[in-house]
N, C-alpha and C. Protein backbone atom coordinates (compact mmCIF):
# COMPACT_ATOMS: atom_id res chain seq x y z
N UNK A 1 -6.72 4.86 -18.30
CA UNK A 1 -6.23 5.37 -17.03
C UNK A 1 -6.60 6.84 -16.87
N UNK A 2 -6.46 7.60 -17.95
CA UNK A 2 -6.75 9.03 -17.87
C UNK A 2 -8.18 9.29 -17.42
N UNK A 3 -9.12 8.46 -17.88
CA UNK A 3 -10.52 8.63 -17.50
C UNK A 3 -10.69 8.37 -16.00
N UNK A 4 -10.00 7.36 -15.49
CA UNK A 4 -10.11 7.02 -14.06
C UNK A 4 -9.55 8.13 -13.18
N UNK A 5 -8.57 8.87 -13.68
CA UNK A 5 -7.91 9.91 -12.88
C UNK A 5 -8.46 11.31 -13.13
N UNK A 6 -9.33 11.44 -14.12
CA UNK A 6 -9.80 12.76 -14.54
C UNK A 6 -10.46 13.54 -13.40
N UNK A 7 -11.30 12.89 -12.62
CA UNK A 7 -11.99 13.59 -11.51
C UNK A 7 -11.00 14.10 -10.46
N UNK A 8 -9.84 13.47 -10.38
CA UNK A 8 -8.82 13.90 -9.42
C UNK A 8 -7.91 14.97 -10.02
N UNK A 9 -8.12 15.27 -11.28
CA UNK A 9 -7.30 16.25 -12.00
C UNK A 9 -5.83 15.85 -11.97
N UNK A 10 -5.58 14.56 -12.23
CA UNK A 10 -4.22 14.02 -12.29
C UNK A 10 -3.96 13.44 -13.67
N UNK A 11 -2.79 13.72 -14.21
CA UNK A 11 -2.37 13.05 -15.44
C UNK A 11 -1.79 11.68 -15.06
N UNK A 12 -1.60 10.85 -16.07
CA UNK A 12 -0.97 9.54 -15.83
C UNK A 12 0.39 9.72 -15.17
N UNK A 13 1.20 10.64 -15.70
CA UNK A 13 2.55 10.84 -15.15
C UNK A 13 2.51 11.42 -13.74
N UNK A 14 1.57 12.30 -13.44
CA UNK A 14 1.45 12.80 -12.06
C UNK A 14 1.12 11.65 -11.12
N UNK A 15 0.22 10.79 -11.54
CA UNK A 15 -0.12 9.61 -10.74
C UNK A 15 1.10 8.72 -10.55
N UNK A 16 1.86 8.52 -11.59
CA UNK A 16 3.03 7.65 -11.50
C UNK A 16 4.09 8.24 -10.56
N UNK A 17 4.25 9.57 -10.58
CA UNK A 17 5.19 10.21 -9.65
C UNK A 17 4.71 10.01 -8.21
N UNK A 18 3.44 10.28 -7.94
CA UNK A 18 2.91 10.10 -6.59
C UNK A 18 3.07 8.65 -6.13
N UNK A 19 2.79 7.71 -7.02
CA UNK A 19 2.93 6.29 -6.68
C UNK A 19 4.37 5.93 -6.37
N UNK A 20 5.30 6.44 -7.17
CA UNK A 20 6.72 6.16 -6.94
C UNK A 20 7.18 6.71 -5.60
N UNK A 21 6.76 7.93 -5.28
CA UNK A 21 7.13 8.53 -4.00
C UNK A 21 6.51 7.73 -2.85
N UNK A 22 5.28 7.28 -3.03
CA UNK A 22 4.61 6.49 -1.99
C UNK A 22 5.33 5.17 -1.72
N UNK A 23 6.00 4.63 -2.74
CA UNK A 23 6.71 3.35 -2.60
C UNK A 23 8.01 3.49 -1.83
N UNK A 24 8.54 4.70 -1.71
CA UNK A 24 9.77 4.87 -0.95
C UNK A 24 10.75 5.80 -1.62
N UNK A 25 12.01 5.66 -1.23
CA UNK A 25 13.09 6.53 -1.71
C UNK A 25 13.11 6.55 -3.23
N UNK A 26 13.09 7.74 -3.79
CA UNK A 26 12.97 7.90 -5.24
C UNK A 26 14.26 8.45 -5.80
N UNK A 27 14.78 7.78 -6.80
CA UNK A 27 15.92 8.28 -7.56
C UNK A 27 15.33 9.01 -8.77
N UNK A 28 15.57 10.31 -8.85
CA UNK A 28 14.94 11.11 -9.89
C UNK A 28 15.39 10.70 -11.29
N UNK A 29 16.63 10.27 -11.44
CA UNK A 29 17.09 9.82 -12.75
C UNK A 29 16.34 8.56 -13.17
N UNK A 30 16.13 7.65 -12.23
CA UNK A 30 15.36 6.44 -12.51
C UNK A 30 13.92 6.81 -12.87
N UNK A 31 13.37 7.79 -12.16
CA UNK A 31 12.01 8.22 -12.45
C UNK A 31 11.92 8.81 -13.86
N UNK A 32 12.93 9.58 -14.27
CA UNK A 32 12.96 10.10 -15.64
C UNK A 32 12.91 8.95 -16.64
N UNK A 33 13.68 7.92 -16.37
CA UNK A 33 13.71 6.77 -17.26
C UNK A 33 12.34 6.09 -17.31
N UNK A 34 11.75 5.85 -16.16
CA UNK A 34 10.45 5.17 -16.11
C UNK A 34 9.36 5.97 -16.80
N UNK A 35 9.41 7.28 -16.67
CA UNK A 35 8.37 8.13 -17.25
C UNK A 35 8.72 8.59 -18.66
N UNK A 36 9.93 8.22 -19.13
CA UNK A 36 10.42 8.65 -20.43
C UNK A 36 10.32 10.17 -20.53
N UNK A 37 10.92 10.83 -19.54
CA UNK A 37 10.91 12.29 -19.47
C UNK A 37 12.33 12.81 -19.27
N UNK A 38 12.59 13.98 -19.78
CA UNK A 38 13.86 14.65 -19.53
C UNK A 38 13.78 15.31 -18.15
N UNK A 39 14.93 15.44 -17.46
CA UNK A 39 14.92 16.01 -16.11
C UNK A 39 14.19 17.36 -15.98
N UNK A 40 14.36 18.30 -16.92
CA UNK A 40 13.63 19.57 -16.75
C UNK A 40 12.11 19.38 -16.78
N UNK A 41 11.63 18.45 -17.61
CA UNK A 41 10.19 18.19 -17.69
C UNK A 41 9.67 17.53 -16.41
N UNK A 42 10.47 16.61 -15.86
CA UNK A 42 10.09 15.98 -14.60
C UNK A 42 10.06 17.02 -13.49
N UNK A 43 11.01 17.93 -13.52
CA UNK A 43 11.07 18.97 -12.51
C UNK A 43 9.81 19.84 -12.54
N UNK A 44 9.35 20.18 -13.74
CA UNK A 44 8.12 20.97 -13.89
C UNK A 44 6.92 20.18 -13.36
N UNK A 45 6.86 18.89 -13.67
CA UNK A 45 5.77 18.05 -13.20
C UNK A 45 5.76 17.99 -11.67
N UNK A 46 6.95 17.82 -11.07
CA UNK A 46 7.06 17.78 -9.61
C UNK A 46 6.70 19.13 -9.00
N UNK A 47 7.15 20.22 -9.64
CA UNK A 47 6.79 21.56 -9.16
C UNK A 47 5.27 21.71 -9.05
N UNK A 48 4.56 21.22 -10.05
CA UNK A 48 3.11 21.30 -10.03
C UNK A 48 2.50 20.53 -8.88
N UNK A 49 3.06 19.35 -8.59
CA UNK A 49 2.56 18.54 -7.47
C UNK A 49 2.89 19.19 -6.12
N UNK A 50 4.03 19.87 -6.06
CA UNK A 50 4.40 20.61 -4.84
C UNK A 50 3.43 21.78 -4.66
N UNK A 51 3.17 22.52 -5.72
CA UNK A 51 2.26 23.67 -5.65
C UNK A 51 0.84 23.25 -5.24
N UNK A 52 0.43 22.07 -5.66
CA UNK A 52 -0.90 21.58 -5.30
C UNK A 52 -0.94 21.00 -3.89
N UNK A 53 0.21 20.94 -3.23
CA UNK A 53 0.27 20.46 -1.86
C UNK A 53 0.32 18.95 -1.72
N UNK A 54 0.66 18.24 -2.79
CA UNK A 54 0.72 16.77 -2.76
C UNK A 54 2.11 16.26 -2.39
N UNK A 55 3.14 17.03 -2.73
CA UNK A 55 4.52 16.65 -2.44
C UNK A 55 5.22 17.80 -1.74
N UNK A 56 6.28 17.43 -1.01
CA UNK A 56 7.18 18.46 -0.50
C UNK A 56 8.61 17.98 -0.71
N UNK A 57 9.48 18.96 -0.90
CA UNK A 57 10.90 18.68 -1.07
C UNK A 57 11.60 18.95 0.26
N UNK A 58 12.48 18.03 0.64
CA UNK A 58 13.29 18.23 1.85
C UNK A 58 14.72 17.81 1.53
N UNK A 59 15.67 18.45 2.19
CA UNK A 59 17.08 18.07 2.02
C UNK A 59 17.30 16.71 2.65
N UNK A 60 18.06 15.89 1.97
CA UNK A 60 18.36 14.55 2.50
C UNK A 60 19.33 14.68 3.67
N UNK A 61 19.11 13.90 4.68
CA UNK A 61 19.97 13.91 5.86
C UNK A 61 21.36 13.38 5.52
N UNK A 62 21.41 12.34 4.68
CA UNK A 62 22.69 11.71 4.35
C UNK A 62 23.51 12.51 3.34
N UNK A 63 22.87 13.43 2.61
CA UNK A 63 23.58 14.24 1.62
C UNK A 63 22.78 15.52 1.42
N UNK A 64 23.18 16.58 2.11
CA UNK A 64 22.46 17.83 2.09
C UNK A 64 22.37 18.49 0.72
N UNK A 65 23.16 18.01 -0.24
CA UNK A 65 23.08 18.56 -1.60
C UNK A 65 21.91 17.98 -2.38
N UNK A 66 21.41 16.85 -1.91
CA UNK A 66 20.32 16.16 -2.62
C UNK A 66 18.99 16.44 -1.94
N UNK A 67 17.93 16.35 -2.73
CA UNK A 67 16.58 16.60 -2.24
C UNK A 67 15.79 15.30 -2.28
N UNK A 68 15.01 15.08 -1.24
CA UNK A 68 14.09 13.94 -1.20
C UNK A 68 12.68 14.47 -1.41
N UNK A 69 11.85 13.65 -2.01
CA UNK A 69 10.44 13.97 -2.19
C UNK A 69 9.63 13.18 -1.18
N UNK A 70 8.70 13.87 -0.54
CA UNK A 70 7.81 13.23 0.43
C UNK A 70 6.37 13.57 0.10
N UNK A 71 5.48 12.61 0.32
CA UNK A 71 4.06 12.88 0.16
C UNK A 71 3.56 13.65 1.38
N UNK A 72 2.72 14.63 1.14
CA UNK A 72 2.03 15.31 2.22
C UNK A 72 0.82 14.47 2.58
N UNK A 73 0.07 14.85 3.61
CA UNK A 73 -1.12 14.09 3.96
C UNK A 73 -2.13 14.12 2.82
N UNK A 74 -2.31 15.28 2.17
CA UNK A 74 -3.23 15.32 1.03
C UNK A 74 -2.67 14.54 -0.15
N UNK A 75 -1.36 14.50 -0.29
CA UNK A 75 -0.72 13.69 -1.33
C UNK A 75 -0.96 12.21 -1.11
N UNK A 76 -0.86 11.77 0.16
CA UNK A 76 -1.14 10.37 0.47
C UNK A 76 -2.59 10.03 0.15
N UNK A 77 -3.49 10.94 0.50
CA UNK A 77 -4.92 10.70 0.24
C UNK A 77 -5.21 10.60 -1.26
N UNK A 78 -4.69 11.56 -2.02
CA UNK A 78 -4.98 11.54 -3.46
C UNK A 78 -4.28 10.36 -4.13
N UNK A 79 -3.09 9.99 -3.68
CA UNK A 79 -2.39 8.83 -4.24
C UNK A 79 -3.16 7.54 -3.96
N UNK A 80 -3.68 7.41 -2.75
CA UNK A 80 -4.46 6.22 -2.40
C UNK A 80 -5.74 6.15 -3.23
N UNK A 81 -6.43 7.27 -3.37
CA UNK A 81 -7.66 7.30 -4.18
C UNK A 81 -7.36 7.03 -5.64
N UNK A 82 -6.28 7.60 -6.15
CA UNK A 82 -5.90 7.37 -7.55
C UNK A 82 -5.56 5.89 -7.77
N UNK A 83 -4.85 5.29 -6.82
CA UNK A 83 -4.52 3.87 -6.94
C UNK A 83 -5.77 3.00 -6.93
N UNK A 84 -6.72 3.35 -6.07
CA UNK A 84 -7.98 2.60 -6.02
C UNK A 84 -8.71 2.72 -7.36
N UNK A 85 -8.77 3.92 -7.90
CA UNK A 85 -9.46 4.12 -9.18
C UNK A 85 -8.73 3.42 -10.33
N UNK A 86 -7.41 3.46 -10.32
CA UNK A 86 -6.64 2.79 -11.37
C UNK A 86 -6.87 1.28 -11.30
N UNK A 87 -6.86 0.73 -10.10
CA UNK A 87 -7.10 -0.71 -9.94
C UNK A 87 -8.51 -1.07 -10.39
N UNK A 88 -9.49 -0.26 -10.01
CA UNK A 88 -10.88 -0.50 -10.45
C UNK A 88 -10.97 -0.47 -11.97
N UNK A 89 -10.28 0.48 -12.60
CA UNK A 89 -10.31 0.60 -14.06
C UNK A 89 -9.69 -0.64 -14.71
N UNK A 90 -8.56 -1.10 -14.19
CA UNK A 90 -7.93 -2.31 -14.73
C UNK A 90 -8.80 -3.53 -14.55
N UNK A 91 -9.43 -3.64 -13.40
CA UNK A 91 -10.33 -4.77 -13.16
C UNK A 91 -11.52 -4.72 -14.11
N UNK A 92 -12.01 -3.51 -14.34
CA UNK A 92 -13.12 -3.34 -15.28
C UNK A 92 -12.74 -3.76 -16.68
N UNK A 93 -11.53 -3.44 -17.09
CA UNK A 93 -11.06 -3.87 -18.41
C UNK A 93 -10.82 -5.37 -18.46
N UNK A 94 -10.32 -5.92 -17.37
CA UNK A 94 -9.97 -7.35 -17.34
C UNK A 94 -11.19 -8.25 -17.51
N UNK A 95 -12.35 -7.78 -17.07
CA UNK A 95 -13.54 -8.64 -17.18
C UNK A 95 -14.13 -8.65 -18.59
N UNK A 96 -13.67 -7.71 -19.43
CA UNK A 96 -14.14 -7.69 -20.81
C UNK A 96 -13.42 -8.77 -21.60
N UNK A 97 -14.07 -9.33 -22.55
CA UNK A 97 -13.43 -10.31 -23.41
C UNK A 97 -13.56 -11.72 -22.86
N UNK A 98 -12.96 -12.63 -23.60
CA UNK A 98 -13.03 -14.05 -23.26
C UNK A 98 -11.94 -14.44 -22.27
N UNK A 99 -12.16 -15.52 -21.57
CA UNK A 99 -11.14 -16.05 -20.67
C UNK A 99 -11.23 -15.46 -19.28
N UNK A 100 -10.22 -15.74 -18.52
CA UNK A 100 -10.19 -15.39 -17.11
C UNK A 100 -9.66 -13.98 -16.86
N UNK A 101 -10.46 -13.18 -16.19
CA UNK A 101 -10.01 -11.84 -15.79
C UNK A 101 -8.82 -11.94 -14.85
N UNK A 102 -8.87 -12.92 -13.95
CA UNK A 102 -7.77 -13.10 -13.00
C UNK A 102 -6.46 -13.41 -13.71
N UNK A 103 -6.53 -14.22 -14.75
CA UNK A 103 -5.32 -14.57 -15.50
C UNK A 103 -4.75 -13.35 -16.20
N UNK A 104 -5.64 -12.50 -16.76
CA UNK A 104 -5.16 -11.29 -17.43
C UNK A 104 -4.48 -10.35 -16.44
N UNK A 105 -5.09 -10.19 -15.25
CA UNK A 105 -4.49 -9.32 -14.24
C UNK A 105 -3.17 -9.88 -13.74
N UNK A 106 -3.11 -11.20 -13.54
CA UNK A 106 -1.86 -11.83 -13.09
C UNK A 106 -0.76 -11.66 -14.13
N UNK A 107 -1.12 -11.79 -15.40
CA UNK A 107 -0.13 -11.61 -16.47
C UNK A 107 0.39 -10.18 -16.47
N UNK A 108 -0.49 -9.23 -16.26
CA UNK A 108 -0.08 -7.83 -16.20
C UNK A 108 0.85 -7.61 -15.01
N UNK A 109 0.49 -8.15 -13.86
CA UNK A 109 1.33 -8.02 -12.66
C UNK A 109 2.71 -8.64 -12.87
N UNK A 110 2.76 -9.73 -13.66
CA UNK A 110 4.04 -10.41 -13.86
C UNK A 110 5.06 -9.53 -14.59
N UNK A 111 4.60 -8.51 -15.29
CA UNK A 111 5.50 -7.61 -16.00
C UNK A 111 6.13 -6.57 -15.09
N UNK A 112 5.57 -6.33 -13.91
CA UNK A 112 6.06 -5.26 -13.04
C UNK A 112 7.55 -5.40 -12.73
N UNK A 113 8.00 -6.57 -12.35
CA UNK A 113 9.40 -6.78 -12.00
C UNK A 113 10.30 -6.56 -13.21
N UNK A 114 9.86 -7.04 -14.37
CA UNK A 114 10.64 -6.88 -15.59
C UNK A 114 10.78 -5.41 -15.96
N UNK A 115 9.68 -4.67 -15.89
CA UNK A 115 9.71 -3.25 -16.22
C UNK A 115 10.59 -2.48 -15.24
N UNK A 116 10.47 -2.81 -13.95
CA UNK A 116 11.32 -2.15 -12.94
C UNK A 116 12.79 -2.44 -13.20
N UNK A 117 13.11 -3.68 -13.54
CA UNK A 117 14.50 -4.04 -13.82
C UNK A 117 15.02 -3.29 -15.04
N UNK A 118 14.21 -3.19 -16.06
CA UNK A 118 14.61 -2.49 -17.28
C UNK A 118 14.85 -1.01 -16.99
N UNK A 119 14.04 -0.42 -16.13
CA UNK A 119 14.19 1.00 -15.81
C UNK A 119 15.51 1.27 -15.09
N UNK A 120 16.03 0.26 -14.42
CA UNK A 120 17.27 0.44 -13.66
C UNK A 120 18.52 0.20 -14.50
N UNK A 121 18.36 -0.37 -15.70
CA UNK A 121 19.50 -0.61 -16.57
C UNK A 121 20.00 0.70 -17.14
N UNK A 122 21.31 0.83 -17.30
CA UNK A 122 21.82 2.00 -18.02
C UNK A 122 21.23 2.01 -19.43
N UNK A 123 21.15 3.17 -20.04
CA UNK A 123 20.52 3.32 -21.36
C UNK A 123 21.06 2.29 -22.35
N UNK A 124 22.36 2.12 -22.40
CA UNK A 124 22.97 1.18 -23.35
C UNK A 124 22.49 -0.24 -23.08
N UNK A 125 22.38 -0.62 -21.80
CA UNK A 125 21.92 -1.95 -21.44
C UNK A 125 20.47 -2.19 -21.85
N UNK A 126 19.62 -1.15 -21.69
CA UNK A 126 18.21 -1.27 -22.10
C UNK A 126 18.13 -1.47 -23.61
N UNK A 127 18.91 -0.70 -24.35
CA UNK A 127 18.88 -0.82 -25.81
C UNK A 127 19.33 -2.21 -26.24
N UNK A 128 20.39 -2.74 -25.59
CA UNK A 128 20.87 -4.08 -25.93
C UNK A 128 19.86 -5.15 -25.56
N UNK A 129 19.19 -4.98 -24.41
CA UNK A 129 18.20 -5.96 -23.98
C UNK A 129 17.02 -5.99 -24.94
N UNK A 130 16.60 -4.83 -25.40
CA UNK A 130 15.48 -4.77 -26.35
C UNK A 130 15.90 -5.40 -27.66
N UNK A 131 17.10 -5.12 -28.12
CA UNK A 131 17.58 -5.69 -29.38
C UNK A 131 17.74 -7.19 -29.33
N UNK A 132 18.00 -7.73 -28.12
CA UNK A 132 18.19 -9.16 -27.97
C UNK A 132 16.89 -9.91 -27.78
N UNK A 133 15.80 -9.18 -27.58
CA UNK A 133 14.51 -9.82 -27.34
C UNK A 133 14.04 -10.52 -28.61
N UNK A 134 13.26 -11.60 -28.43
CA UNK A 134 12.71 -12.28 -29.60
C UNK A 134 11.94 -11.29 -30.46
N UNK A 135 12.21 -11.28 -31.73
CA UNK A 135 11.53 -10.37 -32.63
C UNK A 135 12.12 -8.98 -32.65
N UNK A 136 13.14 -8.73 -31.78
CA UNK A 136 13.73 -7.40 -31.69
C UNK A 136 14.73 -7.17 -32.81
N UNK A 137 15.06 -5.94 -33.03
CA UNK A 137 16.08 -5.59 -34.01
C UNK A 137 17.42 -5.61 -33.31
N UNK A 138 18.41 -6.20 -33.85
CA UNK A 138 19.68 -6.16 -33.16
C UNK A 138 20.68 -6.94 -33.76
């Protein structure tokens, strides 16, 4: 992934933040969980994207104490290009090896819902779910 994003000067985590914001309302705590980052580190990462003109912070209408993240027009452009490159990179990897590239991509896509659900579990629930998994410690 890093190679696909290198020309855009984006790290994997910067791409993931832009993608999350592009998908809609972002809960920063959930984003910390998904990126396996502490809040201060995520804040620094977001600051960098704001400084580059890809994101902007605005006060939420429903709760003026909270901040929402929005993509700028250049943020939308770079996020779309990064997504295209990431998809191209995955497709390129999928055609390597034996068997069906389509099946490999479909299997990868099938994990998206599971990973999203796990990210939304409280920490204790995630630890219990991992411990209960086949082959897990628990």
